[in-house]
Amino acid sequence: MKATVNGDNNMNRPVLTVASHEVPLPRSLSDGARAALEASDAAPRVGFPEVDDAEGWRAAIERQRATEAGFLDSTTTEQLAGTFAVKLDQKTVADIPVAIGTPNTWDRHDPRVVLSLHGGGWIQGGGGMVPVLALMDAASLGMRSWAVDYRMPPEHRFPAHLDDCLAVYRAMLEEHDPQSIAVSGTSAGANLAAALMLRARDEGLPLPAAVAMWTPAVDLTGDGDTWHTLAGLDPIIGPHMSTLMDYYARGQDPRHPYLSPIFGDLSAFPPTVLISGTRDGLLSDTVRFHRALRRAGRHAELHVFEAMPHGGFDFVSPEDQERGAEIRAFFDARLRH
């Protein structure tokens, strides 16, 4: 062990030097999970510009959106709606596009609905990908989904994302009993889900019956252990992501609860299920938030999947199906029918 300077907050912190070593794939993984890990290992790692490189960020965001457009060119939402057996509608709430997924088997007397917040590092996952999220969540959770196409960079920065999520949540409360509402988010979407709970409470709004946070980013100081211990193993999350978090925060204190909800008052937080994996760079954020909720006296469940990286495997592997089933069971037990 030796001491070094941590660049993010200019404080000395002890570090451990770990020798390079090979990490085999566990034998217990499904074929789908194994194939997904092998594919991710071969994929190029993501890099980001310096925080103040406006043109570099614009180009990086355009590349990310081009990748999404390529997916949407090959798989239309109409095809996915048929595959998932979900009806897709669109609405606008305070100028914010919202995609609504309704399972074909939905009973019109079932009041349950989930507010779905997409991931993508606060810079991608919007636009045409939002209807895909509405379809997937409606199918996986067996209830209607409102998926929010919140504003993002380079045109819009913090707190535009959270403002939009709050506006849609307000509109949802006008139509639904809060005890029939769930909120679900992945990665940056889980960050927004947690921040939304704190913001809604601060503004005197009733909170939903349950929250699901899959691989949440809840500490934008990057202090979690697995940011470093899993760097290079998780294909997405690692210390290089610090510039993305700084870009999203746009000079605000990263410890502000609306940016890093783990530093907020969690005493009124709804029942929450948290999901991560042993190769997820945000495993530390996930387990730390679970412990923070437990210390605050709140109900929280934690599920950690073997070898699962950030964002899961392939969405159809047995492990991914189990993940979805855990969230669905959690919501089924807590939302008013």
Protein backbone atom coordinates (compact mmCIF):
# COMPACT_ATOMS: atom_id res chain seq x y z
CA MET A 1 0.00 0.00 0.00
CA LYS A 2 1.19 3.52 -0.77
CA ALA A 3 -0.24 7.04 -0.74
CA THR A 4 -1.05 9.00 -3.86
CA VAL A 5 -2.95 12.12 -4.84
CA ASN A 6 -6.53 11.67 -5.98
CA GLY A 7 -7.08 14.16 -8.78
CA ASP A 8 -10.83 14.53 -8.39
CA ASN A 9 -10.73 16.21 -4.99
CA ASN A 10 -6.97 16.75 -4.47
CA MET A 11 -6.77 14.67 -1.32
CA ASN A 12 -4.22 12.04 -0.45
CA ARG A 13 -5.71 8.58 -0.42
CA PRO A 14 -4.00 5.24 0.14
CA VAL A 15 -4.01 2.92 -2.85
CA LEU A 16 -3.28 -0.74 -3.41
CA THR A 17 -1.26 -1.87 -6.42
CA VAL A 18 -2.79 -5.03 -7.89
CA ALA A 19 -0.85 -7.23 -10.27
CA SER A 20 -2.34 -7.80 -13.72
CA HIS A 21 -4.09 -11.15 -13.92
CA GLU A 22 -6.51 -13.11 -16.08
CA VAL A 23 -10.19 -13.34 -15.12
CA PRO A 24 -11.95 -16.44 -16.46
CA LEU A 25 -15.66 -16.59 -17.20
CA PRO A 26 -17.61 -18.47 -14.52
CA ARG A 27 -18.83 -21.92 -15.58
CA SER A 28 -22.24 -21.19 -14.06
CA LEU A 29 -23.16 -18.57 -16.67
CA SER A 30 -25.81 -19.22 -19.30
CA ASP A 31 -24.73 -19.47 -22.92
CA GLY A 32 -26.30 -16.09 -23.62
CA ALA A 33 -24.49 -14.38 -20.75
CA ARG A 34 -21.19 -15.97 -21.76
CA ALA A 35 -21.60 -14.83 -25.38
CA ALA A 36 -22.47 -11.30 -24.24
CA LEU A 37 -19.35 -11.06 -22.07
CA GLU A 38 -17.14 -12.37 -24.86
CA ALA A 39 -18.62 -9.81 -27.28
CA SER A 40 -18.16 -6.95 -24.83
CA ASP A 41 -14.54 -7.95 -24.25
CA ALA A 42 -13.86 -7.53 -27.96
CA ALA A 43 -15.67 -4.17 -28.22
CA PRO A 44 -13.67 -0.92 -28.12
CA ARG A 45 -13.74 0.95 -24.82
CA VAL A 46 -15.51 4.30 -24.69
CA GLY A 47 -13.49 7.49 -24.25
CA PHE A 48 -14.66 11.05 -23.64
CA PRO A 49 -13.30 14.54 -24.40
CA GLU A 50 -12.08 16.99 -21.80
CA VAL A 51 -14.92 18.61 -19.88
CA ASP A 52 -14.54 22.02 -21.56
CA ASP A 53 -14.14 20.65 -25.12
CA ALA A 54 -17.56 21.68 -26.45
CA GLU A 55 -16.94 20.54 -30.02
CA GLY A 56 -15.46 17.26 -28.84
CA TRP A 57 -18.58 16.56 -26.77
CA ARG A 58 -20.88 17.46 -29.63
CA ALA A 59 -19.04 15.03 -31.90
CA ALA A 60 -19.02 12.28 -29.24
CA ILE A 61 -22.76 12.66 -28.64
CA GLU A 62 -23.46 12.61 -32.38
CA ARG A 63 -21.48 9.33 -32.67
CA GLN A 64 -23.49 7.79 -29.84
CA ARG A 65 -26.77 8.82 -31.45
CA ALA A 66 -25.65 7.48 -34.83
CA THR A 67 -25.13 4.09 -33.18
CA GLU A 68 -28.67 4.21 -31.79
CA ALA A 69 -30.04 5.24 -35.18
CA GLY A 70 -28.34 2.21 -36.71
CA PHE A 71 -30.13 -0.06 -34.28
CA LEU A 72 -33.47 1.61 -34.99
CA ASP A 73 -32.90 1.28 -38.75
CA SER A 74 -32.58 -2.49 -38.38
CA THR A 75 -35.37 -2.99 -35.84
CA THR A 76 -38.49 -0.84 -36.02
CA THR A 77 -40.64 -0.04 -33.01
CA GLU A 78 -43.59 -1.64 -34.83
CA GLN A 79 -41.68 -4.91 -35.03
CA LEU A 80 -40.73 -4.67 -31.37
CA ALA A 81 -44.30 -3.87 -30.36
CA GLY A 82 -45.39 -7.10 -32.02
CA THR A 83 -42.56 -9.07 -30.44
CA PHE A 84 -43.31 -7.75 -26.95
CA ALA A 85 -47.10 -7.86 -27.40
CA VAL A 86 -47.35 -4.25 -26.29
CA LYS A 87 -49.33 -1.34 -27.74
CA LEU A 88 -47.33 1.86 -28.20
CA ASP A 89 -48.74 5.38 -27.88
CA GLN A 90 -47.17 8.82 -27.69
CA LYS A 91 -48.10 11.89 -25.68
CA THR A 92 -46.55 15.24 -24.82
CA VAL A 93 -46.33 16.54 -21.27
CA ALA A 94 -45.18 20.15 -20.86
CA ASP A 95 -43.43 19.89 -24.25
CA ILE A 96 -41.70 16.69 -23.14
CA PRO A 97 -42.23 13.62 -25.38
CA VAL A 98 -43.47 10.56 -23.48
CA ALA A 99 -43.81 7.07 -24.96
CA ILE A 100 -46.53 4.92 -23.39
CA GLY A 101 -46.40 1.14 -23.56
CA THR A 102 -49.51 -0.88 -22.70
CA PRO A 103 -49.37 -4.69 -22.57
CA ASN A 104 -51.88 -6.34 -24.90
CA THR A 105 -53.12 -8.29 -21.89
CA TRP A 106 -53.66 -5.14 -19.80
CA ASP A 107 -56.87 -5.03 -17.79
CA ARG A 108 -58.34 -1.52 -18.00
CA HIS A 109 -59.20 -1.79 -14.31
CA ASP A 110 -55.50 -2.21 -13.43
CA PRO A 111 -54.33 1.25 -12.26
CA ARG A 112 -50.62 0.41 -12.02
CA VAL A 113 -48.12 2.40 -14.07
CA VAL A 114 -44.33 2.76 -14.08
CA LEU A 115 -42.38 5.92 -14.86
CA SER A 116 -39.42 4.63 -16.91
CA LEU A 117 -36.22 6.70 -17.02
CA HIS A 118 -33.63 5.68 -19.58
CA GLY A 119 -29.91 5.34 -19.04
CA GLY A 120 -27.10 6.38 -21.36
CA GLY A 121 -24.85 8.56 -19.25
CA TRP A 122 -27.22 11.56 -19.48
CA ILE A 123 -26.17 12.00 -23.15
CA GLN A 124 -27.81 9.11 -25.04
CA GLY A 125 -30.74 6.71 -24.93
CA GLY A 126 -33.32 9.35 -25.88
CA GLY A 127 -35.25 10.03 -29.05
CA GLY A 128 -36.20 6.86 -30.89
CA MET A 129 -34.84 4.68 -28.11
CA VAL A 130 -37.45 5.90 -25.62
CA PRO A 131 -40.35 4.00 -27.24
CA VAL A 132 -38.18 0.88 -27.11
CA LEU A 133 -37.82 1.35 -23.35
CA ALA A 134 -41.60 1.80 -22.98
CA LEU A 135 -42.17 -1.46 -24.86
CA MET A 136 -39.57 -3.40 -22.89
CA ASP A 137 -40.69 -2.16 -19.47
CA ALA A 138 -44.37 -2.73 -20.21
CA ALA A 139 -43.64 -6.29 -21.35
CA SER A 140 -41.20 -7.10 -18.54
CA LEU A 141 -43.23 -5.55 -15.70
CA GLY A 142 -46.72 -6.40 -16.92
CA MET A 143 -48.03 -2.86 -16.49
CA ARG A 144 -48.26 0.38 -18.42
CA SER A 145 -45.04 2.33 -18.84
CA TRP A 146 -44.52 6.05 -19.31
CA ALA A 147 -41.00 6.47 -20.72
CA VAL A 148 -39.64 10.02 -20.60
CA ASP A 149 -37.62 11.54 -23.45
CA TYR A 150 -35.93 14.08 -21.17
CA ARG A 151 -33.70 16.82 -22.57
CA MET A 152 -29.98 16.11 -22.85
CA PRO A 153 -26.66 17.70 -23.89
CA PRO A 154 -25.21 19.31 -25.82
CA GLU A 155 -28.26 21.57 -26.00
CA HIS A 156 -29.38 21.04 -22.41
CA ARG A 157 -27.43 20.39 -19.23
CA PHE A 158 -28.23 19.79 -15.54
CA PRO A 159 -30.85 20.28 -14.17
CA ALA A 160 -32.88 20.02 -17.41
CA HIS A 161 -32.96 16.20 -17.19
CA LEU A 162 -34.38 16.25 -13.67
CA ASP A 163 -36.77 19.13 -14.43
CA ASP A 164 -38.34 17.07 -17.22
CA CYS A 165 -38.65 13.94 -15.10
CA LEU A 166 -40.36 15.98 -12.38
CA ALA A 167 -42.77 17.58 -14.86
CA VAL A 168 -43.85 14.17 -16.19
CA TYR A 169 -44.16 12.77 -12.67
CA ARG A 170 -46.44 15.70 -11.75
CA ALA A 171 -48.61 14.93 -14.75
CA MET A 172 -48.71 11.26 -13.80
CA LEU A 173 -49.95 12.21 -10.31
CA GLU A 174 -52.84 14.09 -11.88
CA GLU A 175 -54.05 10.83 -13.44
CA HIS A 176 -52.92 8.17 -10.98
CA ASP A 177 -52.93 7.40 -7.28
CA PRO A 178 -49.29 7.58 -6.11
CA GLN A 179 -49.75 4.16 -4.48
CA SER A 180 -50.28 2.75 -7.99
CA ILE A 181 -47.12 4.37 -9.38
CA ALA A 182 -43.62 2.89 -9.59
CA VAL A 183 -40.45 4.56 -10.84
CA SER A 184 -37.73 2.59 -12.64
CA GLY A 185 -34.35 3.69 -13.94
CA THR A 186 -31.09 2.22 -15.18
CA SER A 187 -27.64 3.75 -14.70
CA ALA A 188 -28.06 7.51 -15.33
CA GLY A 189 -31.81 6.84 -15.34
CA ALA A 190 -31.49 5.33 -11.87
CA ASN A 191 -29.57 8.42 -10.79
CA LEU A 192 -32.51 10.50 -12.02
CA ALA A 193 -35.01 8.16 -10.33
CA ALA A 194 -33.31 8.66 -6.97
CA ALA A 195 -32.87 12.40 -7.48
CA LEU A 196 -36.54 12.62 -8.47
CA MET A 197 -37.58 11.13 -5.13
CA LEU A 198 -35.59 13.80 -3.28
CA ARG A 199 -36.80 16.63 -5.51
CA ALA A 200 -40.45 15.52 -5.37
CA ARG A 201 -40.29 15.33 -1.57
CA ASP A 202 -38.69 18.78 -1.40
CA GLU A 203 -41.55 20.16 -3.51
CA GLY A 204 -44.23 18.56 -1.34
CA LEU A 205 -45.36 15.92 -3.84
CA PRO A 206 -46.49 12.45 -2.74
CA LEU A 207 -43.93 9.75 -3.49
CA PRO A 208 -44.61 6.58 -5.49
CA ALA A 209 -45.21 3.16 -4.00
CA ALA A 210 -41.91 1.64 -5.15
CA VAL A 211 -38.66 2.36 -6.98
CA ALA A 212 -36.36 0.09 -9.01
CA MET A 213 -32.74 1.15 -9.49
CA TRP A 214 -30.69 -1.03 -11.82
CA THR A 215 -26.93 -0.37 -11.66
CA PRO A 216 -27.45 3.19 -10.36
CA ALA A 217 -24.93 6.02 -10.47
CA VAL A 218 -25.55 7.68 -7.11
CA ASP A 219 -22.15 9.21 -6.26
CA LEU A 220 -20.75 11.52 -8.92
CA THR A 221 -17.52 12.01 -6.96
CA GLY A 222 -16.52 8.56 -8.27
CA ASP A 223 -15.57 7.37 -4.80
CA GLY A 224 -16.98 3.84 -5.11
CA ASP A 225 -14.46 1.00 -4.83
CA THR A 226 -15.59 -0.81 -7.98
CA TRP A 227 -15.06 2.25 -10.14
CA HIS A 228 -11.42 1.22 -9.78
CA THR A 229 -11.33 -2.48 -8.93
CA LEU A 230 -13.43 -3.38 -11.98
CA ALA A 231 -11.85 -0.86 -14.36
CA GLY A 232 -11.08 -2.68 -17.59
CA LEU A 233 -13.33 -5.59 -16.65
CA ASP A 234 -16.59 -3.69 -16.96
CA PRO A 235 -16.76 -2.65 -20.64
CA ILE A 236 -18.43 0.67 -19.79
CA ILE A 237 -17.77 1.93 -16.26
CA GLY A 238 -14.34 3.01 -15.00
CA PRO A 239 -12.34 6.06 -13.86
CA HIS A 240 -12.47 7.43 -17.42
CA MET A 241 -16.16 8.16 -16.80
CA SER A 242 -15.27 11.02 -14.42
CA THR A 243 -15.25 13.50 -17.32
CA LEU A 244 -18.79 12.41 -18.28
CA MET A 245 -20.00 13.01 -14.73
CA ASP A 246 -18.27 16.40 -14.63
CA TYR A 247 -19.81 17.29 -17.99
CA TYR A 248 -23.29 16.43 -16.70
CA ALA A 249 -22.79 18.35 -13.44
CA ARG A 250 -21.52 21.43 -15.39
CA GLY A 251 -19.53 22.83 -12.49
CA GLN A 252 -22.07 22.19 -9.74
CA ASP A 253 -20.97 20.55 -6.49
CA PRO A 254 -21.04 16.80 -7.31
CA ARG A 255 -22.12 16.10 -3.73
CA HIS A 256 -25.42 17.94 -4.23
CA PRO A 257 -28.18 15.38 -3.56
CA TYR A 258 -29.85 16.05 -6.92
CA LEU A 259 -26.56 14.99 -8.57
CA SER A 260 -25.39 12.39 -6.03
CA PRO A 261 -28.49 11.15 -4.19
CA ILE A 262 -26.42 9.09 -1.77
CA PHE A 263 -25.60 12.35 0.03
CA GLY A 264 -29.27 13.27 0.42
CA ASP A 265 -31.80 12.75 3.20
CA LEU A 266 -33.24 9.31 2.45
CA SER A 267 -35.59 9.16 5.43
CA ALA A 268 -38.74 9.30 3.26
CA PHE A 269 -37.49 7.21 0.34
CA PRO A 270 -40.02 4.67 -1.04
CA PRO A 271 -39.42 0.90 -0.89
CA THR A 272 -36.61 0.20 -3.34
CA VAL A 273 -35.14 -2.76 -5.19
CA LEU A 274 -31.54 -2.41 -6.36
CA ILE A 275 -29.88 -4.57 -9.04
CA SER A 276 -26.21 -4.95 -9.95
CA GLY A 277 -23.62 -7.56 -10.90
CA THR A 278 -20.16 -8.65 -9.81
CA ARG A 279 -18.59 -7.13 -12.97
CA ASP A 280 -20.58 -3.90 -12.80
CA GLY A 281 -18.42 -0.85 -12.22
CA LEU A 282 -21.35 0.66 -10.35
CA LEU A 283 -21.63 -2.27 -7.95
CA SER A 284 -20.19 -0.08 -5.19
CA ASP A 285 -22.70 2.69 -5.88
CA THR A 286 -25.47 0.09 -5.75
CA VAL A 287 -24.47 -1.59 -2.50
CA ARG A 288 -23.63 1.73 -0.82
CA PHE A 289 -27.06 3.12 -1.68
CA HIS A 290 -28.67 -0.06 -0.37
CA ARG A 291 -26.82 0.36 2.93
CA ALA A 292 -27.69 4.08 3.05
CA LEU A 293 -31.38 3.27 2.65
CA ARG A 294 -31.17 0.60 5.35
CA ARG A 295 -29.42 3.02 7.71
CA ALA A 296 -32.23 5.51 7.04
CA GLY A 297 -34.75 2.87 8.12
CA ARG A 298 -36.14 2.35 4.63
CA HIS A 299 -37.14 -0.94 2.99
CA ALA A 300 -34.55 -1.93 0.38
CA GLU A 301 -33.72 -5.16 -1.44
CA LEU A 302 -30.40 -5.84 -3.16
CA HIS A 303 -29.85 -8.43 -5.92
CA VAL A 304 -26.33 -8.99 -7.30
CA PHE A 305 -25.89 -11.27 -10.31
CA GLU A 306 -22.81 -13.36 -11.01
CA ALA A 307 -20.44 -11.78 -13.59
CA MET A 308 -23.10 -9.31 -14.81
CA PRO A 309 -21.49 -6.10 -16.13
CA HIS A 310 -23.01 -2.64 -16.36
CA GLY A 311 -26.23 -2.81 -18.35
CA GLY A 312 -26.63 -6.57 -18.05
CA PHE A 313 -25.92 -9.22 -20.66
CA ASP A 314 -28.15 -9.43 -23.75
CA PHE A 315 -31.62 -8.72 -22.24
CA VAL A 316 -32.80 -12.23 -23.18
CA SER A 317 -30.40 -14.43 -21.19
CA PRO A 318 -31.82 -16.33 -18.19
CA GLU A 319 -29.95 -13.95 -15.90
CA ASP A 320 -31.57 -10.91 -17.50
CA GLN A 321 -34.96 -12.59 -17.30
CA GLU A 322 -34.42 -13.22 -13.58
CA ARG A 323 -33.47 -9.58 -13.11
CA GLY A 324 -36.70 -8.44 -14.71
CA ALA A 325 -38.70 -10.95 -12.70
CA GLU A 326 -37.27 -9.63 -9.42
CA ILE A 327 -38.34 -6.07 -10.26
CA ARG A 328 -41.77 -7.22 -11.38
CA ALA A 329 -42.32 -9.20 -8.17
CA PHE A 330 -41.20 -6.23 -6.08
CA PHE A 331 -43.66 -3.92 -7.82
CA ASP A 332 -46.49 -6.46 -7.77
CA ALA A 333 -46.17 -6.72 -3.99
CA ARG A 334 -46.23 -2.97 -3.36
CA LEU A 335 -48.36 -1.21 -5.96
CA ARG A 336 -52.06 -0.82 -5.33
CA HIS A 337 -54.08 -2.88 -7.84
